[in-house]
Amino acid sequence: MEKLKLTTKCLVGVEKNKVLYFNDFNSLSEAELNWKPEKKVWSIGQNIEHVIKVNKQYFKILEAVLTQTYASGFMTKQPFMHKTWAKVLINAVDPKKRSKKIKTFKLFEPQQSKISRSVLTDFLNNQEALRKYVLELDYAKYHDKIIASPASKMFTFSLGTALEMLVMHTKRHYLQAMDLKKVFPSQVK
């Protein structure tokens, strides 16, 4: 039953994120998508692109699990590690704990050039792909499968944790982007 609840929670989270991003960012101009209050802060477009990049890296793993071609590494066989990393990962992406900034891995960094408005369509397509993976991955069979992060084989956690993390991570970056939208200068609006 718990696994079914997590599936439902992930599916509801994906749908909510799609609606939030579409409603709040679809009408933005390219200038608004790319506006940054300072150089080291990501724009709304970069936040969206970052979410897409992270998800695509995990999609490779999810696809390998589905096709039974996922090669488990040494660290995925260490039972004491994956629960610890799961807690660390969930805490790191928790939208309620955004006061703590976390540096991303280079693999997940957004491009530094202009982001086009097509990033919103790309985002919606990416979320649809995530929804399909949540549905296709039979939780009875795969929920407890241990995988490694695409960023580092040292970070291992269950597939269920990975899916939950992707939904939470998307919400975290929505809130980060909304913080930017609230402080747009008048010449950008």
N, C-alpha and C. Protein backbone atom coordinates (compact mmCIF):
# COMPACT_ATOMS: atom_id res chain seq x y z
N MET A 1 0.82 -1.21 0.00
CA MET A 1 0.00 0.00 0.00
C MET A 1 0.86 1.26 0.00
N GLU A 2 1.95 1.23 0.78
CA GLU A 2 2.85 2.39 0.87
C GLU A 2 3.43 2.73 -0.51
N LYS A 3 3.78 1.70 -1.28
CA LYS A 3 4.34 1.91 -2.60
C LYS A 3 3.31 2.53 -3.54
N LEU A 4 2.05 2.13 -3.41
CA LEU A 4 0.99 2.71 -4.22
C LEU A 4 0.81 4.19 -3.86
N LYS A 5 0.91 4.51 -2.57
CA LYS A 5 0.80 5.90 -2.14
C LYS A 5 1.91 6.75 -2.74
N LEU A 6 3.13 6.21 -2.79
CA LEU A 6 4.26 6.95 -3.36
C LEU A 6 4.05 7.16 -4.86
N THR A 7 3.54 6.14 -5.55
CA THR A 7 3.23 6.30 -6.98
C THR A 7 2.23 7.41 -7.18
N THR A 8 1.16 7.39 -6.41
CA THR A 8 0.12 8.41 -6.52
C THR A 8 0.69 9.78 -6.19
N LYS A 9 1.48 9.85 -5.12
CA LYS A 9 2.11 11.12 -4.72
C LYS A 9 2.98 11.68 -5.84
N CYS A 10 3.77 10.82 -6.47
CA CYS A 10 4.63 11.26 -7.58
C CYS A 10 3.81 11.75 -8.77
N LEU A 11 2.78 10.98 -9.12
CA LEU A 11 1.93 11.37 -10.26
C LEU A 11 1.23 12.70 -10.01
N VAL A 12 0.69 12.87 -8.81
CA VAL A 12 0.03 14.13 -8.46
C VAL A 12 1.05 15.26 -8.47
N GLY A 13 2.24 15.01 -7.94
CA GLY A 13 3.29 16.03 -7.93
C GLY A 13 3.70 16.47 -9.32
N VAL A 14 3.85 15.52 -10.23
CA VAL A 14 4.21 15.84 -11.62
C VAL A 14 3.13 16.73 -12.25
N GLU A 15 1.87 16.35 -12.08
CA GLU A 15 0.77 17.13 -12.66
C GLU A 15 0.71 18.53 -12.07
N LYS A 16 0.87 18.64 -10.76
CA LYS A 16 0.87 19.95 -10.11
C LYS A 16 2.01 20.82 -10.63
N ASN A 17 3.20 20.23 -10.77
CA ASN A 17 4.35 20.98 -11.27
C ASN A 17 4.11 21.47 -12.69
N LYS A 18 3.52 20.62 -13.54
CA LYS A 18 3.23 21.05 -14.91
C LYS A 18 2.31 22.27 -14.91
N VAL A 19 1.27 22.22 -14.10
CA VAL A 19 0.31 23.33 -14.04
C VAL A 19 0.98 24.59 -13.50
N LEU A 20 1.75 24.46 -12.43
CA LEU A 20 2.42 25.62 -11.84
C LEU A 20 3.36 26.29 -12.84
N TYR A 21 4.22 25.51 -13.46
CA TYR A 21 5.17 26.08 -14.42
C TYR A 21 4.44 26.73 -15.59
N PHE A 22 3.43 26.04 -16.14
CA PHE A 22 2.71 26.59 -17.27
C PHE A 22 2.00 27.88 -16.88
N ASN A 23 1.26 27.87 -15.79
CA ASN A 23 0.49 29.05 -15.39
C ASN A 23 1.38 30.24 -15.06
N ASP A 24 2.52 30.00 -14.45
CA ASP A 24 3.34 31.12 -13.99
C ASP A 24 4.45 31.55 -14.95
N PHE A 25 4.83 30.70 -15.88
CA PHE A 25 5.96 31.05 -16.74
C PHE A 25 5.65 31.08 -18.24
N ASN A 26 4.52 30.54 -18.65
CA ASN A 26 4.22 30.47 -20.07
C ASN A 26 4.07 31.83 -20.73
N SER A 27 3.60 32.81 -20.00
CA SER A 27 3.39 34.14 -20.59
C SER A 27 4.64 35.03 -20.53
N LEU A 28 5.73 34.51 -19.99
CA LEU A 28 6.94 35.33 -19.87
C LEU A 28 7.60 35.53 -21.23
N SER A 29 8.15 36.70 -21.42
CA SER A 29 8.92 36.98 -22.63
C SER A 29 10.29 36.31 -22.50
N GLU A 30 11.01 36.27 -23.59
CA GLU A 30 12.36 35.71 -23.56
C GLU A 30 13.25 36.54 -22.62
N ALA A 31 13.06 37.84 -22.63
CA ALA A 31 13.84 38.71 -21.73
C ALA A 31 13.55 38.37 -20.27
N GLU A 32 12.30 38.13 -19.95
CA GLU A 32 11.94 37.77 -18.57
C GLU A 32 12.50 36.40 -18.18
N LEU A 33 12.45 35.45 -19.11
CA LEU A 33 13.00 34.12 -18.83
C LEU A 33 14.50 34.18 -18.55
N ASN A 34 15.18 35.14 -19.15
CA ASN A 34 16.64 35.22 -19.04
C ASN A 34 17.13 36.26 -18.05
N TRP A 35 16.23 37.02 -17.44
CA TRP A 35 16.64 38.06 -16.50
C TRP A 35 17.25 37.46 -15.24
N LYS A 36 18.35 38.09 -14.79
CA LYS A 36 19.03 37.67 -13.57
C LYS A 36 19.36 38.91 -12.75
N PRO A 37 19.10 38.90 -11.45
CA PRO A 37 19.43 40.06 -10.62
C PRO A 37 20.93 40.25 -10.47
N GLU A 38 21.68 39.17 -10.61
CA GLU A 38 23.14 39.22 -10.57
C GLU A 38 23.69 38.02 -11.32
N LYS A 39 24.94 38.12 -11.73
CA LYS A 39 25.54 37.11 -12.60
C LYS A 39 25.50 35.68 -12.04
N LYS A 40 25.72 35.52 -10.74
CA LYS A 40 25.82 34.16 -10.18
C LYS A 40 24.46 33.53 -9.87
N VAL A 41 23.38 34.25 -10.05
CA VAL A 41 22.03 33.73 -9.82
C VAL A 41 21.47 33.19 -11.14
N TRP A 42 20.84 32.05 -11.10
CA TRP A 42 20.23 31.49 -12.31
C TRP A 42 18.95 32.25 -12.65
N SER A 43 18.71 32.42 -13.93
CA SER A 43 17.46 33.01 -14.41
C SER A 43 16.34 31.97 -14.29
N ILE A 44 15.11 32.41 -14.54
CA ILE A 44 13.98 31.47 -14.55
C ILE A 44 14.23 30.40 -15.62
N GLY A 45 14.66 30.84 -16.79
CA GLY A 45 14.95 29.88 -17.87
C GLY A 45 16.02 28.88 -17.49
N GLN A 46 17.05 29.34 -16.81
CA GLN A 46 18.11 28.42 -16.38
C GLN A 46 17.61 27.44 -15.33
N ASN A 47 16.73 27.89 -14.44
CA ASN A 47 16.13 26.98 -13.46
C ASN A 47 15.35 25.88 -14.18
N ILE A 48 14.59 26.26 -15.18
CA ILE A 48 13.79 25.29 -15.93
C ILE A 48 14.71 24.33 -16.68
N GLU A 49 15.72 24.88 -17.34
CA GLU A 49 16.64 24.03 -18.08
C GLU A 49 17.38 23.06 -17.15
N HIS A 50 17.74 23.53 -15.98
CA HIS A 50 18.41 22.67 -14.99
C HIS A 50 17.53 21.47 -14.63
N VAL A 51 16.25 21.71 -14.38
CA VAL A 51 15.32 20.62 -14.04
C VAL A 51 15.29 19.61 -15.19
N ILE A 52 15.21 20.10 -16.41
CA ILE A 52 15.19 19.21 -17.58
C ILE A 52 16.47 18.38 -17.65
N LYS A 53 17.63 19.03 -17.45
CA LYS A 53 18.91 18.32 -17.52
C LYS A 53 19.01 17.22 -16.46
N VAL A 54 18.60 17.54 -15.24
CA VAL A 54 18.64 16.54 -14.17
C VAL A 54 17.75 15.36 -14.53
N ASN A 55 16.52 15.66 -14.92
CA ASN A 55 15.57 14.59 -15.25
C ASN A 55 16.11 13.72 -16.38
N LYS A 56 16.66 14.32 -17.43
CA LYS A 56 17.16 13.53 -18.56
C LYS A 56 18.26 12.58 -18.14
N GLN A 57 19.10 13.00 -17.21
CA GLN A 57 20.15 12.10 -16.73
C GLN A 57 19.54 10.91 -15.98
N TYR A 58 18.52 11.17 -15.20
CA TYR A 58 17.83 10.08 -14.49
C TYR A 58 17.02 9.22 -15.45
N PHE A 59 16.49 9.80 -16.51
CA PHE A 59 15.72 9.01 -17.48
C PHE A 59 16.57 7.90 -18.09
N LYS A 60 17.86 8.17 -18.29
CA LYS A 60 18.75 7.14 -18.83
C LYS A 60 18.78 5.92 -17.88
N ILE A 61 18.82 6.20 -16.60
CA ILE A 61 18.84 5.13 -15.60
C ILE A 61 17.49 4.42 -15.56
N LEU A 62 16.41 5.20 -15.55
CA LEU A 62 15.07 4.60 -15.50
C LEU A 62 14.82 3.71 -16.71
N GLU A 63 15.27 4.17 -17.88
CA GLU A 63 15.12 3.37 -19.10
C GLU A 63 15.92 2.07 -18.99
N ALA A 64 17.12 2.16 -18.45
CA ALA A 64 17.95 0.97 -18.29
C ALA A 64 17.31 -0.01 -17.30
N VAL A 65 16.68 0.50 -16.26
CA VAL A 65 15.98 -0.38 -15.31
C VAL A 65 14.81 -1.07 -16.03
N LEU A 66 14.05 -0.30 -16.79
CA LEU A 66 12.90 -0.88 -17.51
C LEU A 66 13.31 -1.95 -18.51
N THR A 67 14.42 -1.70 -19.20
CA THR A 67 14.87 -2.65 -20.22
C THR A 67 15.80 -3.73 -19.63
N GLN A 68 15.94 -3.68 -18.33
CA GLN A 68 16.77 -4.64 -17.59
C GLN A 68 18.22 -4.65 -18.07
N THR A 69 18.71 -3.46 -18.43
CA THR A 69 20.10 -3.32 -18.85
C THR A 69 20.89 -2.47 -17.84
N TYR A 70 20.26 -2.13 -16.72
CA TYR A 70 20.95 -1.31 -15.72
C TYR A 70 22.04 -2.12 -15.05
N ALA A 71 23.24 -1.61 -15.10
CA ALA A 71 24.39 -2.28 -14.48
C ALA A 71 24.59 -1.72 -13.08
N SER A 72 24.29 -2.53 -12.10
CA SER A 72 24.48 -2.12 -10.70
C SER A 72 25.97 -2.08 -10.39
N GLY A 73 26.40 -1.01 -9.79
CA GLY A 73 27.80 -0.89 -9.39
C GLY A 73 28.01 -1.42 -7.98
N PHE A 74 29.24 -1.40 -7.55
CA PHE A 74 29.60 -1.89 -6.23
C PHE A 74 28.81 -1.20 -5.13
N MET A 75 28.68 0.12 -5.21
CA MET A 75 28.03 0.88 -4.14
C MET A 75 26.53 0.56 -4.02
N THR A 76 25.90 0.14 -5.11
CA THR A 76 24.46 -0.19 -5.02
C THR A 76 24.24 -1.47 -4.23
N LYS A 77 25.30 -2.21 -4.00
CA LYS A 77 25.19 -3.47 -3.26
C LYS A 77 25.53 -3.28 -1.77
N GLN A 78 25.75 -2.06 -1.35
CA GLN A 78 26.07 -1.75 0.05
C GLN A 78 24.78 -1.32 0.75
N PRO A 79 24.11 -2.22 1.47
CA PRO A 79 22.78 -1.93 2.01
C PRO A 79 22.74 -0.79 3.02
N PHE A 80 23.81 -0.56 3.72
CA PHE A 80 23.81 0.48 4.74
C PHE A 80 23.90 1.89 4.14
N MET A 81 24.37 2.00 2.92
CA MET A 81 24.61 3.32 2.33
C MET A 81 23.36 3.96 1.71
N HIS A 82 22.54 3.18 1.02
CA HIS A 82 21.48 3.79 0.23
C HIS A 82 20.43 4.51 1.08
N LYS A 83 20.17 4.02 2.28
CA LYS A 83 19.19 4.70 3.14
C LYS A 83 19.75 6.03 3.65
N THR A 84 21.03 6.06 3.94
CA THR A 84 21.67 7.30 4.37
C THR A 84 21.64 8.33 3.25
N TRP A 85 22.05 7.92 2.04
CA TRP A 85 22.06 8.84 0.91
C TRP A 85 20.64 9.28 0.54
N ALA A 86 19.67 8.41 0.72
CA ALA A 86 18.28 8.78 0.42
C ALA A 86 17.85 9.94 1.30
N LYS A 87 18.16 9.87 2.58
CA LYS A 87 17.80 10.96 3.50
C LYS A 87 18.51 12.25 3.12
N VAL A 88 19.79 12.15 2.80
CA VAL A 88 20.56 13.33 2.40
C VAL A 88 19.97 13.96 1.14
N LEU A 89 19.66 13.13 0.17
CA LEU A 89 19.13 13.61 -1.10
C LEU A 89 17.76 14.27 -0.93
N ILE A 90 16.87 13.63 -0.23
CA ILE A 90 15.53 14.18 -0.02
C ILE A 90 15.62 15.50 0.74
N ASN A 91 16.48 15.57 1.74
CA ASN A 91 16.66 16.83 2.47
C ASN A 91 17.24 17.92 1.58
N ALA A 92 18.14 17.55 0.68
CA ALA A 92 18.79 18.53 -0.19
C ALA A 92 17.81 19.16 -1.18
N VAL A 93 16.82 18.41 -1.63
CA VAL A 93 15.89 18.95 -2.64
C VAL A 93 14.55 19.38 -2.06
N ASP A 94 14.37 19.20 -0.78
CA ASP A 94 13.10 19.54 -0.14
C ASP A 94 12.76 21.02 -0.37
N PRO A 95 11.64 21.30 -1.03
CA PRO A 95 11.27 22.70 -1.30
C PRO A 95 11.08 23.53 -0.03
N LYS A 96 10.80 22.88 1.07
CA LYS A 96 10.57 23.60 2.34
C LYS A 96 11.89 24.01 2.99
N LYS A 97 13.00 23.50 2.49
CA LYS A 97 14.31 23.79 3.09
C LYS A 97 15.20 24.55 2.12
N ARG A 98 14.63 25.56 1.48
CA ARG A 98 15.38 26.29 0.46
C ARG A 98 16.34 27.33 1.00
N SER A 99 16.33 27.58 2.28
CA SER A 99 17.23 28.60 2.82
C SER A 99 18.69 28.15 2.68
N LYS A 100 18.88 26.86 2.55
CA LYS A 100 20.22 26.30 2.40
C LYS A 100 20.52 26.10 0.91
N LYS A 101 21.43 26.92 0.37
CA LYS A 101 21.82 26.81 -1.04
C LYS A 101 22.72 25.59 -1.23
N ILE A 102 22.51 24.89 -2.32
CA ILE A 102 23.29 23.70 -2.63
C ILE A 102 23.88 23.86 -4.02
N LYS A 103 25.17 23.68 -4.15
CA LYS A 103 25.83 23.76 -5.45
C LYS A 103 25.52 22.49 -6.22
N THR A 104 25.17 22.65 -7.48
CA THR A 104 24.86 21.48 -8.29
C THR A 104 26.12 20.91 -8.92
N PHE A 105 26.02 19.69 -9.39
CA PHE A 105 27.11 19.08 -10.12
C PHE A 105 27.21 19.70 -11.51
N LYS A 106 28.40 19.78 -12.05
CA LYS A 106 28.63 20.38 -13.38
C LYS A 106 27.72 19.74 -14.43
N LEU A 107 27.53 18.45 -14.32
CA LEU A 107 26.67 17.69 -15.23
C LEU A 107 25.27 18.28 -15.35
N PHE A 108 24.79 18.90 -14.27
CA PHE A 108 23.42 19.41 -14.21
C PHE A 108 23.31 20.92 -14.41
N GLU A 109 24.43 21.60 -14.62
CA GLU A 109 24.39 23.06 -14.75
C GLU A 109 23.70 23.47 -16.06
N PRO A 110 22.89 24.53 -15.99
CA PRO A 110 22.26 25.03 -17.21
C PRO A 110 23.27 25.80 -18.06
N GLN A 111 22.92 26.00 -19.31
CA GLN A 111 23.80 26.78 -20.18
C GLN A 111 23.82 28.24 -19.71
N GLN A 112 24.87 28.93 -20.05
CA GLN A 112 25.01 30.31 -19.62
C GLN A 112 24.50 31.30 -20.67
N SER A 113 24.21 30.80 -21.87
CA SER A 113 23.70 31.68 -22.92
C SER A 113 22.20 31.84 -22.77
N LYS A 114 21.61 32.58 -23.69
CA LYS A 114 20.17 32.83 -23.64
C LYS A 114 19.37 31.54 -23.76
N ILE A 115 18.33 31.47 -22.96
CA ILE A 115 17.40 30.34 -23.00
C ILE A 115 16.19 30.81 -23.82
N SER A 116 15.79 30.00 -24.78
CA SER A 116 14.64 30.40 -25.61
C SER A 116 13.33 30.02 -24.93
N ARG A 117 12.25 30.59 -25.41
CA ARG A 117 10.92 30.29 -24.86
C ARG A 117 10.55 28.82 -25.06
N SER A 118 11.19 28.15 -25.98
CA SER A 118 10.88 26.72 -26.20
C SER A 118 11.22 25.87 -24.98
N VAL A 119 11.97 26.43 -24.01
CA VAL A 119 12.31 25.68 -22.80
C VAL A 119 11.03 25.28 -22.04
N LEU A 120 9.97 26.07 -22.18
CA LEU A 120 8.71 25.74 -21.50
C LEU A 120 8.05 24.51 -22.12
N THR A 121 8.07 24.43 -23.44
CA THR A 121 7.54 23.24 -24.13
C THR A 121 8.42 22.03 -23.79
N ASP A 122 9.73 22.25 -23.79
CA ASP A 122 10.66 21.18 -23.43
C ASP A 122 10.37 20.69 -22.01
N PHE A 123 10.09 21.62 -21.11
CA PHE A 123 9.78 21.26 -19.73
C PHE A 123 8.53 20.40 -19.65
N LEU A 124 7.47 20.83 -20.33
CA LEU A 124 6.22 20.07 -20.29
C LEU A 124 6.40 18.67 -20.87
N ASN A 125 7.16 18.56 -21.96
CA ASN A 125 7.46 17.25 -22.54
C ASN A 125 8.28 16.39 -21.58
N ASN A 126 9.22 17.03 -20.89
CA ASN A 126 10.06 16.34 -19.92
C ASN A 126 9.22 15.81 -18.76
N GLN A 127 8.28 16.61 -18.29
CA GLN A 127 7.41 16.18 -17.19
C GLN A 127 6.48 15.05 -17.64
N GLU A 128 6.05 15.10 -18.88
CA GLU A 128 5.23 14.01 -19.40
C GLU A 128 6.03 12.71 -19.45
N ALA A 129 7.30 12.82 -19.83
CA ALA A 129 8.17 11.63 -19.83
C ALA A 129 8.34 11.10 -18.40
N LEU A 130 8.50 11.99 -17.44
CA LEU A 130 8.62 11.57 -16.04
C LEU A 130 7.34 10.86 -15.59
N ARG A 131 6.20 11.41 -15.95
CA ARG A 131 4.91 10.79 -15.59
C ARG A 131 4.84 9.37 -16.16
N LYS A 132 5.28 9.19 -17.40
CA LYS A 132 5.24 7.87 -18.03
C LYS A 132 6.18 6.89 -17.32
N TYR A 133 7.34 7.37 -16.91
CA TYR A 133 8.25 6.48 -16.17
C TYR A 133 7.64 6.07 -14.84
N VAL A 134 7.01 7.00 -14.15
CA VAL A 134 6.38 6.65 -12.87
C VAL A 134 5.33 5.56 -13.10
N LEU A 135 4.55 5.70 -14.17
CA LEU A 135 3.51 4.71 -14.47
C LEU A 135 4.10 3.37 -14.92
N GLU A 136 5.15 3.43 -15.73
CA GLU A 136 5.71 2.20 -16.30
C GLU A 136 6.52 1.38 -15.30
N LEU A 137 7.12 2.05 -14.34
CA LEU A 137 7.93 1.32 -13.38
C LEU A 137 7.02 0.67 -12.35
N ASP A 138 6.90 -0.62 -12.46
CA ASP A 138 6.04 -1.39 -11.57
C ASP A 138 6.62 -1.32 -10.16
N TYR A 139 5.94 -0.59 -9.29
CA TYR A 139 6.49 -0.37 -7.96
C TYR A 139 6.67 -1.65 -7.18
N ALA A 140 5.83 -2.62 -7.40
CA ALA A 140 6.00 -3.88 -6.69
C ALA A 140 7.33 -4.52 -7.06
N LYS A 141 7.76 -4.29 -8.30
CA LYS A 141 8.98 -4.92 -8.79
C LYS A 141 10.22 -4.02 -8.64
N TYR A 142 10.05 -2.70 -8.86
CA TYR A 142 11.20 -1.82 -8.96
C TYR A 142 11.38 -0.81 -7.84
N HIS A 143 10.38 -0.58 -7.02
CA HIS A 143 10.45 0.47 -6.01
C HIS A 143 11.71 0.41 -5.16
N ASP A 144 12.08 -0.78 -4.74
CA ASP A 144 13.23 -0.93 -3.86
C ASP A 144 14.55 -1.17 -4.59
N LYS A 145 14.51 -1.15 -5.91
CA LYS A 145 15.75 -1.34 -6.68
C LYS A 145 16.71 -0.20 -6.35
N ILE A 146 17.94 -0.54 -6.06
CA ILE A 146 18.93 0.46 -5.70
C ILE A 146 19.66 0.92 -6.97
N ILE A 147 19.71 2.24 -7.13
CA ILE A 147 20.40 2.84 -8.28
C ILE A 147 21.43 3.83 -7.76
N ALA A 148 22.31 4.24 -8.65
CA ALA A 148 23.30 5.25 -8.31
C ALA A 148 22.95 6.55 -9.03
N SER A 149 23.30 7.64 -8.41
CA SER A 149 23.08 8.95 -9.02
C SER A 149 23.90 9.07 -10.30
N PRO A 150 23.37 9.73 -11.32
CA PRO A 150 24.17 9.96 -12.52
C PRO A 150 25.35 10.89 -12.25
N ALA A 151 25.30 11.64 -11.15
CA ALA A 151 26.37 12.58 -10.83
C ALA A 151 27.55 11.89 -10.15
N SER A 152 27.27 10.83 -9.39
CA SER A 152 28.33 10.11 -8.70
C SER A 152 27.83 8.72 -8.32
N LYS A 153 28.59 7.72 -8.66
CA LYS A 153 28.22 6.33 -8.35
C LYS A 153 28.24 6.07 -6.85
N MET A 154 28.84 6.98 -6.08
CA MET A 154 28.86 6.83 -4.62
C MET A 154 27.49 7.04 -4.01
N PHE A 155 26.68 7.90 -4.63
CA PHE A 155 25.36 8.23 -4.09
C PHE A 155 24.35 7.21 -4.58
N THR A 156 23.92 6.35 -3.68
CA THR A 156 22.96 5.31 -4.05
C THR A 156 21.69 5.46 -3.21
N PHE A 157 20.57 5.07 -3.81
CA PHE A 157 19.27 5.17 -3.16
C PHE A 157 18.29 4.35 -3.97
N SER A 158 17.10 4.17 -3.42
CA SER A 158 16.10 3.36 -4.12
C SER A 158 15.51 4.13 -5.30
N LEU A 159 14.98 3.39 -6.22
CA LEU A 159 14.31 3.99 -7.37
C LEU A 159 13.13 4.85 -6.91
N GLY A 160 12.41 4.39 -5.90
CA GLY A 160 11.31 5.16 -5.34
C GLY A 160 11.78 6.51 -4.83
N THR A 161 12.92 6.52 -4.14
CA THR A 161 13.50 7.77 -3.65
C THR A 161 13.87 8.67 -4.82
N ALA A 162 14.43 8.10 -5.87
CA ALA A 162 14.82 8.90 -7.04
C ALA A 162 13.61 9.59 -7.66
N LEU A 163 12.52 8.85 -7.82
CA LEU A 163 11.31 9.45 -8.41
C LEU A 163 10.74 10.55 -7.52
N GLU A 164 10.69 10.28 -6.24
CA GLU A 164 10.19 11.29 -5.29
C GLU A 164 11.09 12.53 -5.32
N MET A 165 12.40 12.31 -5.40
CA MET A 165 13.35 13.40 -5.45
C MET A 165 13.15 14.26 -6.69
N LEU A 166 12.92 13.64 -7.84
CA LEU A 166 12.74 14.40 -9.08
C LEU A 166 11.53 15.33 -8.99
N VAL A 167 10.46 14.86 -8.39
CA VAL A 167 9.26 15.69 -8.22
C VAL A 167 9.54 16.84 -7.26
N MET A 168 10.18 16.54 -6.14
CA MET A 168 10.49 17.57 -5.14
C MET A 168 11.48 18.60 -5.71
N HIS A 169 12.45 18.13 -6.45
CA HIS A 169 13.46 18.99 -7.05
C HIS A 169 12.80 19.98 -8.02
N THR A 170 11.85 19.49 -8.79
CA THR A 170 11.13 20.36 -9.73
C THR A 170 10.38 21.45 -8.98
N LYS A 171 9.73 21.09 -7.89
CA LYS A 171 9.00 22.07 -7.08
C LYS A 171 9.96 23.07 -6.45
N ARG A 172 11.10 22.60 -5.99
CA ARG A 172 12.10 23.50 -5.39
C ARG A 172 12.52 24.58 -6.39
N HIS A 173 12.75 24.17 -7.63
CA HIS A 173 13.19 25.14 -8.64
C HIS A 173 12.04 26.02 -9.13
N TYR A 174 10.83 25.53 -9.05
CA TYR A 174 9.67 26.40 -9.32
C TYR A 174 9.66 27.55 -8.31
N LEU A 175 9.83 27.23 -7.04
CA LEU A 175 9.82 28.26 -6.00
C LEU A 175 10.99 29.23 -6.17
N GLN A 176 12.13 28.70 -6.55
CA GLN A 176 13.30 29.55 -6.81
C GLN A 176 13.02 30.51 -7.96
N ALA A 177 12.39 29.99 -9.01
CA ALA A 177 12.04 30.83 -10.17
C ALA A 177 10.98 31.86 -9.79
N MET A 178 10.04 31.47 -8.97
CA MET A 178 9.00 32.42 -8.52
C MET A 178 9.61 33.55 -7.69
N ASP A 179 10.63 33.26 -6.91
CA ASP A 179 11.32 34.32 -6.16
C ASP A 179 11.88 35.36 -7.13
N LEU A 180 12.41 34.91 -8.25
CA LEU A 180 12.93 35.84 -9.26
C LEU A 180 11.81 36.65 -9.91
N LYS A 181 10.74 35.96 -10.22
CA LYS A 181 9.62 36.63 -10.89
C LYS A 181 9.06 37.76 -10.02
N LYS A 182 9.07 37.57 -8.73
CA LYS A 182 8.54 38.58 -7.80
C LYS A 182 9.38 39.85 -7.78
N VAL A 183 10.65 39.76 -8.18
CA VAL A 183 11.52 40.94 -8.12
C VAL A 183 11.96 41.45 -9.49
N PHE A 184 11.21 41.07 -10.54
CA PHE A 184 11.52 41.61 -11.86
C PHE A 184 11.55 43.13 -11.79
N PRO A 185 12.56 43.76 -12.35
CA PRO A 185 12.51 45.22 -12.44
C PRO A 185 11.46 45.63 -13.47
N SER A 186 10.94 46.82 -13.34
CA SER A 186 9.83 47.27 -14.22
C SER A 186 10.22 47.24 -15.70
N GLN A 187 11.49 47.49 -16.05
CA GLN A 187 11.87 47.50 -17.46
C GLN A 187 11.87 46.11 -18.08
N VAL A 188 11.85 45.05 -17.27
CA VAL A 188 11.82 43.69 -17.81
C VAL A 188 10.38 43.22 -17.96
N LYS A 189 9.49 43.67 -17.08
CA LYS A 189 8.11 43.18 -17.07
C LYS A 189 7.36 43.48 -18.33
